[in-house]
Amino acid sequence: MKTSMDDDGSASAGGAAGGRRQTLLRDADAGARMKGIGLILLSSLLFTVLDTSAKVVSTMGIPVLEVVFVRYGVHFVLAALILNPVTSPASWRTRKPILQVVRALALTACTAFNFIALQYLQLAQTVTISFLGPLFIAGLSFILFGEKVGPRRLAAILVGFGGILVVTQPGLAGFHPAMLIALLSVMSYSVYALMTRSLAGTESPGSMILVLAGVPTLILAPLMPAVWVWPEDPLLLVLMLVMGVTGGLGHFFVILAHRYATASVLAPFNYIQIVYMVLSGYLVFGDVPTAPTLIGAGIVVASGLYLLHRERVRRSPASETGRAA
């Protein structure tokens, strides 16, 4: 009888201890997810500051190539100081240098096209068009990697494009040619994102940050004597430096966020940037987003979130039917 009672007591104690461990693990997971979400929200804010500064600078007579050079040059200096060869030697080695360079060139093109578009479009318009990225990536994944795109995902992609048509209004008075440049920015970003996915398994985060900033800095440096224009207002120079700092920190926080939470958890919170950009556009430039911009943004966000949902379903262990999502 005593043995039975001891067994029951041990089982109860073990069950209680196991329950406490499970609770602690759940709390730790929840805390990590909140850190990741917080970092994504902060990175979105930094990218908003970056785009706002770029719009101010590029509309004040500073050449786009110069703006891009300073943005990545400051980024590279910061990354090189933090990830210096003494403390982070692994960050200066890469197994796939050519693919790393292609990735860096894709993001450089994305940045340049975006800065050009910002000269003519509202921040709300450029960020809405930028959220076509997940739709382009889904399409390119099918073309490049043979990933299946089922009818539901295809429908979401088409709806997302419909949202962009609402924003851009091709053939109508609301259309501006710079919207096509913004689309080129999205296409370049999609290539960058797919290259990042491909390299993530073999390359260190440090090397990806250094190459990302180092390639445009080295390529554009020889062109600077021909295009450089010293800002007449010191504030413009400050904003150019701010672009490099916010761009570098923004990318760093994105990488850090993915250490705490999965991409599927973090992705929906990227859309907060639309709110940031609308507020920044209004406060800094007095831009009030048009009804088509707001409606189109809602459609694009809804289609992007649905694509994310289908991706979760497709990758779920319970979803083993073999049917395309």
C-alpha atoms as a PDB file:
ATOM      1  CA  MET A   1       0.000   0.000   0.000  1.00  0.00           C
ATOM      2  CA  LYS A   2       2.867   2.342   0.877  1.00  0.00           C
ATOM      3  CA  THR A   3       4.584   1.508  -2.398  1.00  0.00           C
ATOM      4  CA  SER A   4       1.412   2.323  -4.293  1.00  0.00           C
ATOM      5  CA  MET A   5       1.103   5.632  -2.540  1.00  0.00           C
ATOM      6  CA  ASP A   6       4.778   6.440  -3.255  1.00  0.00           C
ATOM      7  CA  ASP A   7       4.282   5.566  -6.900  1.00  0.00           C
ATOM      8  CA  ASP A   8       1.229   7.773  -7.095  1.00  0.00           C
ATOM      9  CA  GLY A   9       3.073  10.563  -5.346  1.00  0.00           C
ATOM     10  CA  SER A  10       6.074  10.238  -7.635  1.00  0.00           C
ATOM     11  CA  ALA A  11       3.823  10.213 -10.671  1.00  0.00           C
ATOM     12  CA  SER A  12       2.009  13.287  -9.424  1.00  0.00           C
ATOM     13  CA  ALA A  13       5.274  15.054  -8.657  1.00  0.00           C
ATOM     14  CA  GLY A  14       6.697  14.051 -12.027  1.00  0.00           C
ATOM     15  CA  GLY A  15       3.533  15.174 -13.768  1.00  0.00           C
ATOM     16  CA  ALA A  16       3.622  18.513 -11.967  1.00  0.00           C
ATOM     17  CA  ALA A  17       7.311  19.005 -12.804  1.00  0.00           C
ATOM     18  CA  GLY A  18       6.641  18.090 -16.428  1.00  0.00           C
ATOM     19  CA  GLY A  19       3.741  20.510 -16.523  1.00  0.00           C
ATOM     20  CA  ARG A  20       5.932  23.279 -15.144  1.00  0.00           C
ATOM     21  CA  ARG A  21       8.618  22.520 -17.730  1.00  0.00           C
ATOM     22  CA  GLN A  22       6.064  22.640 -20.530  1.00  0.00           C
ATOM     23  CA  THR A  23       4.754  25.943 -19.205  1.00  0.00           C
ATOM     24  CA  LEU A  24       8.269  27.366 -19.003  1.00  0.00           C
ATOM     25  CA  LEU A  25       9.004  26.207 -22.554  1.00  0.00           C
ATOM     26  CA  ARG A  26       5.776  27.742 -23.832  1.00  0.00           C
ATOM     27  CA  ASP A  27       6.560  30.997 -22.033  1.00  0.00           C
ATOM     28  CA  ALA A  28      10.090  30.981 -23.480  1.00  0.00           C
ATOM     29  CA  ASP A  29       8.740  30.357 -26.983  1.00  0.00           C
ATOM     30  CA  ALA A  30       6.165  33.114 -26.581  1.00  0.00           C
ATOM     31  CA  GLY A  31       8.850  35.492 -25.307  1.00  0.00           C
ATOM     32  CA  ALA A  32      11.115  34.678 -28.249  1.00  0.00           C
ATOM     33  CA  ARG A  33       8.278  35.238 -30.703  1.00  0.00           C
ATOM     34  CA  MET A  34       7.504  38.622 -29.139  1.00  0.00           C
ATOM     35  CA  LYS A  35      11.163  39.623 -29.466  1.00  0.00           C
ATOM     36  CA  GLY A  36      11.117  38.630 -33.116  1.00  0.00           C
ATOM     37  CA  ILE A  37       7.912  40.526 -33.784  1.00  0.00           C
ATOM     38  CA  GLY A  38       9.281  43.584 -31.991  1.00  0.00           C
ATOM     39  CA  LEU A  39      12.430  43.501 -34.116  1.00  0.00           C
ATOM     40  CA  ILE A  40      10.397  43.232 -37.326  1.00  0.00           C
ATOM     41  CA  LEU A  41       8.264  46.213 -36.313  1.00  0.00           C
ATOM     42  CA  LEU A  42      11.432  48.166 -35.546  1.00  0.00           C
ATOM     43  CA  SER A  43      13.032  47.204 -38.860  1.00  0.00           C
ATOM     44  CA  SER A  44       9.894  48.351 -40.718  1.00  0.00           C
ATOM     45  CA  LEU A  45      10.139  51.698 -38.949  1.00  0.00           C
ATOM     46  CA  LEU A  46      13.817  52.017 -39.905  1.00  0.00           C
ATOM     47  CA  PHE A  47      13.057  51.194 -43.551  1.00  0.00           C
ATOM     48  CA  THR A  48      10.356  53.858 -43.488  1.00  0.00           C
ATOM     49  CA  VAL A  49      12.902  56.401 -42.237  1.00  0.00           C
ATOM     50  CA  LEU A  50      15.235  55.222 -45.011  1.00  0.00           C
ATOM     51  CA  ASP A  51      12.660  55.718 -47.768  1.00  0.00           C
ATOM     52  CA  THR A  52      11.483  59.041 -46.343  1.00  0.00           C
ATOM     53  CA  SER A  53      15.064  60.340 -46.217  1.00  0.00           C
ATOM     54  CA  ALA A  54      15.723  59.065 -49.740  1.00  0.00           C
ATOM     55  CA  LYS A  55      12.648  60.848 -51.065  1.00  0.00           C
ATOM     56  CA  VAL A  56      13.732  64.140 -49.445  1.00  0.00           C
ATOM     57  CA  VAL A  57      17.300  63.866 -50.725  1.00  0.00           C
ATOM     58  CA  SER A  58      16.486  62.676 -54.246  1.00  0.00           C
ATOM     59  CA  THR A  59      13.937  65.452 -54.782  1.00  0.00           C
ATOM     60  CA  MET A  60      16.505  68.090 -53.748  1.00  0.00           C
ATOM     61  CA  GLY A  61      18.825  67.588 -56.701  1.00  0.00           C
ATOM     62  CA  ILE A  62      21.113  64.840 -55.406  1.00  0.00           C
ATOM     63  CA  PRO A  63      21.773  62.205 -58.137  1.00  0.00           C
ATOM     64  CA  VAL A  64      20.246  58.802 -57.479  1.00  0.00           C
ATOM     65  CA  LEU A  65      23.592  57.035 -57.981  1.00  0.00           C
ATOM     66  CA  GLU A  66      25.114  59.209 -55.274  1.00  0.00           C
ATOM     67  CA  VAL A  67      22.229  58.494 -52.923  1.00  0.00           C
ATOM     68  CA  VAL A  68      22.569  54.735 -53.517  1.00  0.00           C
ATOM     69  CA  PHE A  69      26.349  54.907 -53.027  1.00  0.00           C
ATOM     70  CA  VAL A  70      26.109  56.713 -49.689  1.00  0.00           C
ATOM     71  CA  ARG A  71      23.304  54.431 -48.518  1.00  0.00           C
ATOM     72  CA  TYR A  72      25.410  51.290 -49.096  1.00  0.00           C
ATOM     73  CA  GLY A  73      28.757  52.903 -48.309  1.00  0.00           C
ATOM     74  CA  VAL A  74      27.706  53.831 -44.768  1.00  0.00           C
ATOM     75  CA  HIS A  75      26.064  50.409 -44.433  1.00  0.00           C
ATOM     76  CA  PHE A  76      29.324  48.708 -45.440  1.00  0.00           C
ATOM     77  CA  VAL A  77      31.479  50.754 -43.059  1.00  0.00           C
ATOM     78  CA  LEU A  78      29.193  49.905 -40.144  1.00  0.00           C
ATOM     79  CA  ALA A  79      29.093  46.218 -41.074  1.00  0.00           C
ATOM     80  CA  ALA A  80      32.880  46.079 -41.511  1.00  0.00           C
ATOM     81  CA  LEU A  81      33.427  47.639 -38.089  1.00  0.00           C
ATOM     82  CA  ILE A  82      31.039  45.271 -36.344  1.00  0.00           C
ATOM     83  CA  LEU A  83      31.997  42.174 -38.364  1.00  0.00           C
ATOM     84  CA  ASN A  84      35.698  42.961 -38.577  1.00  0.00           C
ATOM     85  CA  PRO A  85      38.177  40.245 -39.660  1.00  0.00           C
ATOM     86  CA  VAL A  86      39.648  40.015 -36.156  1.00  0.00           C
ATOM     87  CA  THR A  87      36.473  39.174 -34.241  1.00  0.00           C
ATOM     88  CA  SER A  88      34.427  37.668 -37.102  1.00  0.00           C
ATOM     89  CA  PRO A  89      36.810  36.076 -39.617  1.00  0.00           C
ATOM     90  CA  ALA A  90      34.102  33.690 -40.865  1.00  0.00           C
ATOM     91  CA  SER A  91      32.045  36.673 -42.059  1.00  0.00           C
ATOM     92  CA  TRP A  92      34.724  37.464 -44.647  1.00  0.00           C
ATOM     93  CA  ARG A  93      34.576  34.034 -46.268  1.00  0.00           C
ATOM     94  CA  THR A  94      32.019  32.822 -48.775  1.00  0.00           C
ATOM     95  CA  ARG A  95      31.505  29.505 -50.538  1.00  0.00           C
ATOM     96  CA  LYS A  96      29.474  30.940 -53.398  1.00  0.00           C
ATOM     97  CA  PRO A  97      30.904  34.372 -54.258  1.00  0.00           C
ATOM     98  CA  ILE A  98      29.246  34.645 -57.667  1.00  0.00           C
ATOM     99  CA  LEU A  99      25.762  34.015 -56.302  1.00  0.00           C
ATOM    100  CA  GLN A 100      26.473  36.421 -53.449  1.00  0.00           C
ATOM    101  CA  VAL A 101      27.406  39.121 -55.963  1.00  0.00           C
ATOM    102  CA  VAL A 102      24.295  38.463 -58.047  1.00  0.00           C
ATOM    103  CA  ARG A 103      22.190  38.760 -54.876  1.00  0.00           C
ATOM    104  CA  ALA A 104      23.842  42.060 -53.973  1.00  0.00           C
ATOM    105  CA  LEU A 105      23.355  43.443 -57.491  1.00  0.00           C
ATOM    106  CA  ALA A 106      19.672  42.500 -57.397  1.00  0.00           C
ATOM    107  CA  LEU A 107      19.111  44.472 -54.182  1.00  0.00           C
ATOM    108  CA  THR A 108      21.174  47.381 -55.520  1.00  0.00           C
ATOM    109  CA  ALA A 109      18.924  47.531 -58.580  1.00  0.00           C
ATOM    110  CA  CYS A 110      15.888  47.311 -56.295  1.00  0.00           C
ATOM    111  CA  THR A 111      17.172  50.261 -54.251  1.00  0.00           C
ATOM    112  CA  ALA A 112      18.019  52.385 -57.281  1.00  0.00           C
ATOM    113  CA  PHE A 113      14.625  51.803 -58.937  1.00  0.00           C
ATOM    114  CA  ASN A 114      12.866  52.509 -55.649  1.00  0.00           C
ATOM    115  CA  PHE A 115      14.735  55.802 -55.122  1.00  0.00           C
ATOM    116  CA  ILE A 116      13.881  56.902 -58.666  1.00  0.00           C
ATOM    117  CA  ALA A 117      10.204  56.077 -58.143  1.00  0.00           C
ATOM    118  CA  LEU A 118      10.163  57.924 -54.809  1.00  0.00           C
ATOM    119  CA  GLN A 119      10.925  61.168 -56.603  1.00  0.00           C
ATOM    120  CA  TYR A 120       7.501  61.069 -58.240  1.00  0.00           C
ATOM    121  CA  LEU A 121       5.219  58.856 -56.142  1.00  0.00           C
ATOM    122  CA  GLN A 122       3.803  59.008 -52.658  1.00  0.00           C
ATOM    123  CA  LEU A 123       5.390  56.809 -50.029  1.00  0.00           C
ATOM    124  CA  ALA A 124       2.058  54.997 -49.670  1.00  0.00           C
ATOM    125  CA  GLN A 125       2.070  54.165 -53.390  1.00  0.00           C
ATOM    126  CA  THR A 126       5.624  52.811 -53.486  1.00  0.00           C
ATOM    127  CA  VAL A 127       5.194  50.663 -50.385  1.00  0.00           C
ATOM    128  CA  THR A 128       1.921  49.235 -51.685  1.00  0.00           C
ATOM    129  CA  ILE A 129       3.552  48.281 -54.966  1.00  0.00           C
ATOM    130  CA  SER A 130       6.494  46.813 -53.033  1.00  0.00           C
ATOM    131  CA  PHE A 131       4.157  44.357 -51.323  1.00  0.00           C
ATOM    132  CA  LEU A 132       3.708  42.678 -54.681  1.00  0.00           C
ATOM    133  CA  GLY A 133       6.991  40.989 -53.746  1.00  0.00           C
ATOM    134  CA  PRO A 134       5.462  37.811 -52.251  1.00  0.00           C
ATOM    135  CA  LEU A 135       3.284  37.417 -55.347  1.00  0.00           C
ATOM    136  CA  PHE A 136       6.267  37.770 -57.700  1.00  0.00           C
ATOM    137  CA  ILE A 137       8.290  35.393 -55.537  1.00  0.00           C
ATOM    138  CA  ALA A 138       5.555  32.767 -55.712  1.00  0.00           C
ATOM    139  CA  GLY A 139       5.508  33.070 -59.500  1.00  0.00           C
ATOM    140  CA  LEU A 140       9.302  32.986 -59.847  1.00  0.00           C
ATOM    141  CA  SER A 141       9.485  29.990 -57.490  1.00  0.00           C
ATOM    142  CA  PHE A 142       7.352  28.084 -59.978  1.00  0.00           C
ATOM    143  CA  ILE A 143       9.520  29.168 -62.926  1.00  0.00           C
ATOM    144  CA  LEU A 144      12.948  28.699 -61.295  1.00  0.00           C
ATOM    145  CA  PHE A 145      12.398  25.922 -58.767  1.00  0.00           C
ATOM    146  CA  GLY A 146       9.368  24.123 -60.135  1.00  0.00           C
ATOM    147  CA  GLU A 147       7.360  24.763 -56.951  1.00  0.00           C
ATOM    148  CA  LYS A 148       3.709  23.925 -57.444  1.00  0.00           C
ATOM    149  CA  VAL A 149       1.269  26.816 -57.613  1.00  0.00           C
ATOM    150  CA  GLY A 150      -2.205  25.453 -57.089  1.00  0.00           C
ATOM    151  CA  PRO A 151      -5.456  27.178 -58.042  1.00  0.00           C
ATOM    152  CA  ARG A 152      -5.872  28.915 -54.677  1.00  0.00           C
ATOM    153  CA  ARG A 153      -2.372  30.400 -54.667  1.00  0.00           C
ATOM    154  CA  LEU A 154      -2.757  31.360 -58.322  1.00  0.00           C
ATOM    155  CA  ALA A 155      -6.049  33.085 -57.503  1.00  0.00           C
ATOM    156  CA  ALA A 156      -4.343  34.999 -54.669  1.00  0.00           C
ATOM    157  CA  ILE A 157      -1.584  36.117 -57.048  1.00  0.00           C
ATOM    158  CA  LEU A 158      -4.120  37.345 -59.598  1.00  0.00           C
ATOM    159  CA  VAL A 159      -6.099  39.182 -56.913  1.00  0.00           C
ATOM    160  CA  GLY A 160      -2.893  40.834 -55.724  1.00  0.00           C
ATOM    161  CA  PHE A 161      -2.142  42.034 -59.236  1.00  0.00           C
ATOM    162  CA  GLY A 162      -5.685  43.337 -59.366  1.00  0.00           C
ATOM    163  CA  GLY A 163      -4.938  45.379 -56.253  1.00  0.00           C
ATOM    164  CA  ILE A 164      -1.906  46.912 -57.948  1.00  0.00           C
ATOM    165  CA  LEU A 165      -4.047  47.791 -60.966  1.00  0.00           C
ATOM    166  CA  VAL A 166      -6.369  49.647 -58.588  1.00  0.00           C
ATOM    167  CA  VAL A 167      -3.382  51.602 -57.245  1.00  0.00           C
ATOM    168  CA  THR A 168      -1.665  52.311 -60.563  1.00  0.00           C
ATOM    169  CA  GLN A 169      -4.820  52.858 -62.680  1.00  0.00           C
ATOM    170  CA  PRO A 170      -3.052  52.185 -65.994  1.00  0.00           C
ATOM    171  CA  GLY A 171      -4.432  54.276 -68.804  1.00  0.00           C
ATOM    172  CA  LEU A 172      -6.192  56.637 -66.407  1.00  0.00           C
ATOM    173  CA  ALA A 173      -5.291  60.045 -65.005  1.00  0.00           C
ATOM    174  CA  GLY A 174      -3.934  58.500 -61.804  1.00  0.00           C
ATOM    175  CA  PHE A 175      -1.222  56.544 -63.647  1.00  0.00           C
ATOM    176  CA  HIS A 176       2.394  57.746 -63.503  1.00  0.00           C
ATOM    177  CA  PRO A 177       5.263  56.125 -65.453  1.00  0.00           C
ATOM    178  CA  ALA A 178       7.251  55.948 -62.207  1.00  0.00           C
ATOM    179  CA  MET A 179       4.862  53.193 -61.151  1.00  0.00           C
ATOM    180  CA  LEU A 180       6.504  50.966 -63.764  1.00  0.00           C
ATOM    181  CA  ILE A 181       9.880  51.781 -62.212  1.00  0.00           C
ATOM    182  CA  ALA A 182       8.467  50.773 -58.823  1.00  0.00           C
ATOM    183  CA  LEU A 183       7.424  47.454 -60.386  1.00  0.00           C
ATOM    184  CA  LEU A 184      11.007  46.970 -61.632  1.00  0.00           C
ATOM    185  CA  SER A 185      12.107  47.510 -58.036  1.00  0.00           C
ATOM    186  CA  VAL A 186       9.751  44.761 -56.881  1.00  0.00           C
ATOM    187  CA  MET A 187      11.007  42.376 -59.563  1.00  0.00           C
ATOM    188  CA  SER A 188      14.616  43.032 -58.521  1.00  0.00           C
ATOM    189  CA  TYR A 189      13.717  42.466 -54.899  1.00  0.00           C
ATOM    190  CA  SER A 190      12.065  39.163 -55.765  1.00  0.00           C
ATOM    191  CA  VAL A 191      15.309  37.937 -57.341  1.00  0.00           C
ATOM    192  CA  TYR A 192      17.186  39.095 -54.239  1.00  0.00           C
ATOM    193  CA  ALA A 193      14.760  37.245 -51.944  1.00  0.00           C
ATOM    194  CA  LEU A 194      15.027  34.012 -53.914  1.00  0.00           C
ATOM    195  CA  MET A 195      18.822  34.258 -53.941  1.00  0.00           C
ATOM    196  CA  THR A 196      18.752  34.806 -50.177  1.00  0.00           C
ATOM    197  CA  ARG A 197      16.653  31.653 -49.767  1.00  0.00           C
ATOM    198  CA  SER A 198      19.102  29.715 -51.935  1.00  0.00           C
ATOM    199  CA  LEU A 199      22.216  30.933 -50.071  1.00  0.00           C
ATOM    200  CA  ALA A 200      20.876  30.753 -46.526  1.00  0.00           C
ATOM    201  CA  GLY A 201      21.858  27.114 -46.121  1.00  0.00           C
ATOM    202  CA  THR A 202      25.544  27.550 -47.009  1.00  0.00           C
ATOM    203  CA  GLU A 203      26.504  31.173 -46.342  1.00  0.00           C
ATOM    204  CA  SER A 204      26.945  32.894 -42.994  1.00  0.00           C
ATOM    205  CA  PRO A 205      24.694  35.888 -42.162  1.00  0.00           C
ATOM    206  CA  GLY A 206      27.809  38.018 -41.723  1.00  0.00           C
ATOM    207  CA  SER A 207      29.122  37.310 -45.210  1.00  0.00           C
ATOM    208  CA  MET A 208      25.709  37.998 -46.706  1.00  0.00           C
ATOM    209  CA  ILE A 209      25.572  41.403 -44.984  1.00  0.00           C
ATOM    210  CA  LEU A 210      29.126  42.365 -45.993  1.00  0.00           C
ATOM    211  CA  VAL A 211      28.792  41.320 -49.630  1.00  0.00           C
ATOM    212  CA  LEU A 212      25.365  42.925 -49.837  1.00  0.00           C
ATOM    213  CA  ALA A 213      26.798  46.333 -48.893  1.00  0.00           C
ATOM    214  CA  GLY A 214      30.311  45.917 -50.276  1.00  0.00           C
ATOM    215  CA  VAL A 215      29.413  45.132 -53.896  1.00  0.00           C
ATOM    216  CA  PRO A 216      27.435  48.325 -54.652  1.00  0.00           C
ATOM    217  CA  THR A 217      29.984  50.396 -52.733  1.00  0.00           C
ATOM    218  CA  LEU A 218      32.883  49.085 -54.841  1.00  0.00           C
ATOM    219  CA  ILE A 219      30.970  49.245 -58.137  1.00  0.00           C
ATOM    220  CA  LEU A 220      29.651  52.791 -57.668  1.00  0.00           C
ATOM    221  CA  ALA A 221      32.775  54.331 -56.103  1.00  0.00           C
ATOM    222  CA  PRO A 222      34.570  54.932 -59.471  1.00  0.00           C
ATOM    223  CA  LEU A 223      31.487  56.760 -60.791  1.00  0.00           C
ATOM    224  CA  MET A 224      31.250  59.210 -57.891  1.00  0.00           C
ATOM    225  CA  PRO A 225      33.737  61.828 -59.179  1.00  0.00           C
ATOM    226  CA  ALA A 226      31.599  62.231 -62.309  1.00  0.00           C
ATOM    227  CA  VAL A 227      28.206  62.484 -60.600  1.00  0.00           C
ATOM    228  CA  TRP A 228      28.928  63.741 -57.077  1.00  0.00           C
ATOM    229  CA  VAL A 229      27.026  66.827 -55.967  1.00  0.00           C
ATOM    230  CA  TRP A 230      27.776  68.290 -52.536  1.00  0.00           C
ATOM    231  CA  PRO A 231      24.509  69.050 -50.736  1.00  0.00           C
ATOM    232  CA  GLU A 232      24.056  72.759 -50.198  1.00  0.00           C
ATOM    233  CA  ASP A 233      22.032  72.121 -47.075  1.00  0.00           C
ATOM    234  CA  PRO A 234      23.936  70.192 -44.354  1.00  0.00           C
ATOM    235  CA  LEU A 235      20.640  68.542 -43.425  1.00  0.00           C
ATOM    236  CA  LEU A 236      20.715  66.633 -46.722  1.00  0.00           C
ATOM    237  CA  LEU A 237      24.125  65.188 -45.891  1.00  0.00           C
ATOM    238  CA  VAL A 238      22.815  64.161 -42.478  1.00  0.00           C
ATOM    239  CA  LEU A 239      19.826  62.457 -44.119  1.00  0.00           C
ATOM    240  CA  MET A 240      22.147  60.596 -46.502  1.00  0.00           C
ATOM    241  CA  LEU A 241      24.107  59.280 -43.529  1.00  0.00           C
ATOM    242  CA  VAL A 242      20.838  58.389 -41.796  1.00  0.00           C
ATOM    243  CA  MET A 243      19.904  56.300 -44.845  1.00  0.00           C
ATOM    244  CA  GLY A 244      23.023  54.188 -44.476  1.00  0.00           C
ATOM    245  CA  VAL A 245      22.551  53.705 -40.738  1.00  0.00           C
ATOM    246  CA  THR A 246      18.845  52.854 -40.927  1.00  0.00           C
ATOM    247  CA  GLY A 247      19.360  50.563 -43.922  1.00  0.00           C
ATOM    248  CA  GLY A 248      22.157  48.652 -42.218  1.00  0.00           C
ATOM    249  CA  LEU A 249      20.364  48.376 -38.883  1.00  0.00           C
ATOM    250  CA  GLY A 250      17.110  47.449 -40.594  1.00  0.00           C
ATOM    251  CA  HIS A 251      18.675  44.462 -42.361  1.00  0.00           C
ATOM    252  CA  PHE A 252      20.478  43.442 -39.165  1.00  0.00           C
ATOM    253  CA  PHE A 253      17.235  43.505 -37.160  1.00  0.00           C
ATOM    254  CA  VAL A 254      15.474  41.414 -39.818  1.00  0.00           C
ATOM    255  CA  ILE A 255      18.166  38.747 -39.546  1.00  0.00           C
ATOM    256  CA  LEU A 256      18.042  38.906 -35.755  1.00  0.00           C
ATOM    257  CA  ALA A 257      14.238  38.645 -35.754  1.00  0.00           C
ATOM    258  CA  HIS A 258      14.404  35.350 -37.642  1.00  0.00           C
ATOM    259  CA  ARG A 259      16.531  33.901 -34.859  1.00  0.00           C
ATOM    260  CA  TYR A 260      13.627  34.345 -32.458  1.00  0.00           C
ATOM    261  CA  ALA A 261      10.637  33.485 -34.643  1.00  0.00           C
ATOM    262  CA  THR A 262       9.824  31.735 -37.899  1.00  0.00           C
ATOM    263  CA  ALA A 263       9.195  33.559 -41.145  1.00  0.00           C
ATOM    264  CA  SER A 264       5.522  32.534 -41.077  1.00  0.00           C
ATOM    265  CA  VAL A 265       5.105  34.208 -37.677  1.00  0.00           C
ATOM    266  CA  LEU A 266       6.927  37.390 -38.691  1.00  0.00           C
ATOM    267  CA  ALA A 267       5.638  37.907 -42.253  1.00  0.00           C
ATOM    268  CA  PRO A 268       2.213  39.420 -41.421  1.00  0.00           C
ATOM    269  CA  PHE A 269       3.846  42.111 -39.287  1.00  0.00           C
ATOM    270  CA  ASN A 270       5.793  43.436 -42.277  1.00  0.00           C
ATOM    271  CA  TYR A 271       2.557  45.033 -43.452  1.00  0.00           C
ATOM    272  CA  ILE A 272       2.774  47.561 -40.611  1.00  0.00           C
ATOM    273  CA  GLN A 273       5.115  49.438 -42.932  1.00  0.00           C
ATOM    274  CA  ILE A 274       2.107  50.594 -44.933  1.00  0.00           C
ATOM    275  CA  VAL A 275       0.853  52.398 -41.815  1.00  0.00           C
ATOM    276  CA  TYR A 276       4.313  53.858 -41.158  1.00  0.00           C
ATOM    277  CA  MET A 277       4.655  55.072 -44.746  1.00  0.00           C
ATOM    278  CA  VAL A 278       1.207  56.653 -44.870  1.00  0.00           C
ATOM    279  CA  LEU A 279       1.933  58.542 -41.635  1.00  0.00           C
ATOM    280  CA  SER A 280       5.393  59.596 -42.787  1.00  0.00           C
ATOM    281  CA  GLY A 281       4.090  60.726 -46.164  1.00  0.00           C
ATOM    282  CA  TYR A 282       1.447  62.865 -44.486  1.00  0.00           C
ATOM    283  CA  LEU A 283       3.670  64.321 -41.733  1.00  0.00           C
ATOM    284  CA  VAL A 284       6.722  65.044 -43.902  1.00  0.00           C
ATOM    285  CA  PHE A 285       5.276  65.740 -47.354  1.00  0.00           C
ATOM    286  CA  GLY A 286       1.615  66.476 -46.650  1.00  0.00           C
ATOM    287  CA  ASP A 287       0.580  63.579 -48.893  1.00  0.00           C
ATOM    288  CA  VAL A 288      -2.917  62.235 -48.349  1.00  0.00           C
ATOM    289  CA  PRO A 289      -3.277  58.762 -49.891  1.00  0.00           C
ATOM    290  CA  THR A 290      -5.980  58.544 -52.505  1.00  0.00           C
ATOM    291  CA  ALA A 291      -8.926  56.195 -52.214  1.00  0.00           C
ATOM    292  CA  PRO A 292      -7.582  53.901 -54.981  1.00  0.00           C
ATOM    293  CA  THR A 293      -4.254  53.649 -53.113  1.00  0.00           C
ATOM    294  CA  LEU A 294      -5.951  52.646 -49.868  1.00  0.00           C
ATOM    295  CA  ILE A 295      -8.314  50.193 -51.571  1.00  0.00           C
ATOM    296  CA  GLY A 296      -5.497  48.675 -53.623  1.00  0.00           C
ATOM    297  CA  ALA A 297      -3.293  48.402 -50.515  1.00  0.00           C
ATOM    298  CA  GLY A 298      -6.064  46.499 -48.738  1.00  0.00           C
ATOM    299  CA  ILE A 299      -6.398  44.080 -51.648  1.00  0.00           C
ATOM    300  CA  VAL A 300      -2.634  43.499 -51.891  1.00  0.00           C
ATOM    301  CA  VAL A 301      -2.304  42.929 -48.135  1.00  0.00           C
ATOM    302  CA  ALA A 302      -5.275  40.512 -48.115  1.00  0.00           C
ATOM    303  CA  SER A 303      -3.858  38.501 -51.021  1.00  0.00           C
ATOM    304  CA  GLY A 304      -0.404  38.431 -49.410  1.00  0.00           C
ATOM    305  CA  LEU A 305      -1.812  37.191 -46.111  1.00  0.00           C
ATOM    306  CA  TYR A 306      -3.804  34.520 -47.907  1.00  0.00           C
ATOM    307  CA  LEU A 307      -0.667  33.391 -49.747  1.00  0.00           C
ATOM    308  CA  LEU A 308       1.056  33.138 -46.370  1.00  0.00           C
ATOM    309  CA  HIS A 309      -1.843  31.065 -45.043  1.00  0.00           C
ATOM    310  CA  ARG A 310      -1.663  28.702 -48.016  1.00  0.00           C
ATOM    311  CA  GLU A 311       2.092  28.383 -47.530  1.00  0.00           C
ATOM    312  CA  ARG A 312       1.520  27.340 -43.915  1.00  0.00           C
ATOM    313  CA  VAL A 313      -1.065  24.777 -45.007  1.00  0.00           C
ATOM    314  CA  ARG A 314       1.187  23.477 -47.769  1.00  0.00           C
ATOM    315  CA  ARG A 315       4.132  22.971 -45.423  1.00  0.00           C
ATOM    316  CA  SER A 316       2.091  21.567 -42.545  1.00  0.00           C
ATOM    317  CA  PRO A 317       3.031  17.952 -41.639  1.00  0.00           C
ATOM    318  CA  ALA A 318      -0.670  17.108 -41.542  1.00  0.00           C
ATOM    319  CA  SER A 319      -1.058  18.226 -45.144  1.00  0.00           C
ATOM    320  CA  GLU A 320       0.221  15.184 -47.000  1.00  0.00           C
ATOM    321  CA  THR A 321      -2.361  14.815 -49.682  1.00  0.00           C
ATOM    322  CA  GLY A 322       0.148  15.695 -52.399  1.00  0.00           C
ATOM    323  CA  ARG A 323      -2.223  18.292 -53.800  1.00  0.00           C
ATOM    324  CA  ALA A 324      -0.824  21.691 -54.815  1.00  0.00           C
ATOM    325  CA  ALA A 325      -1.744  24.452 -52.412  1.00  0.00           C
END
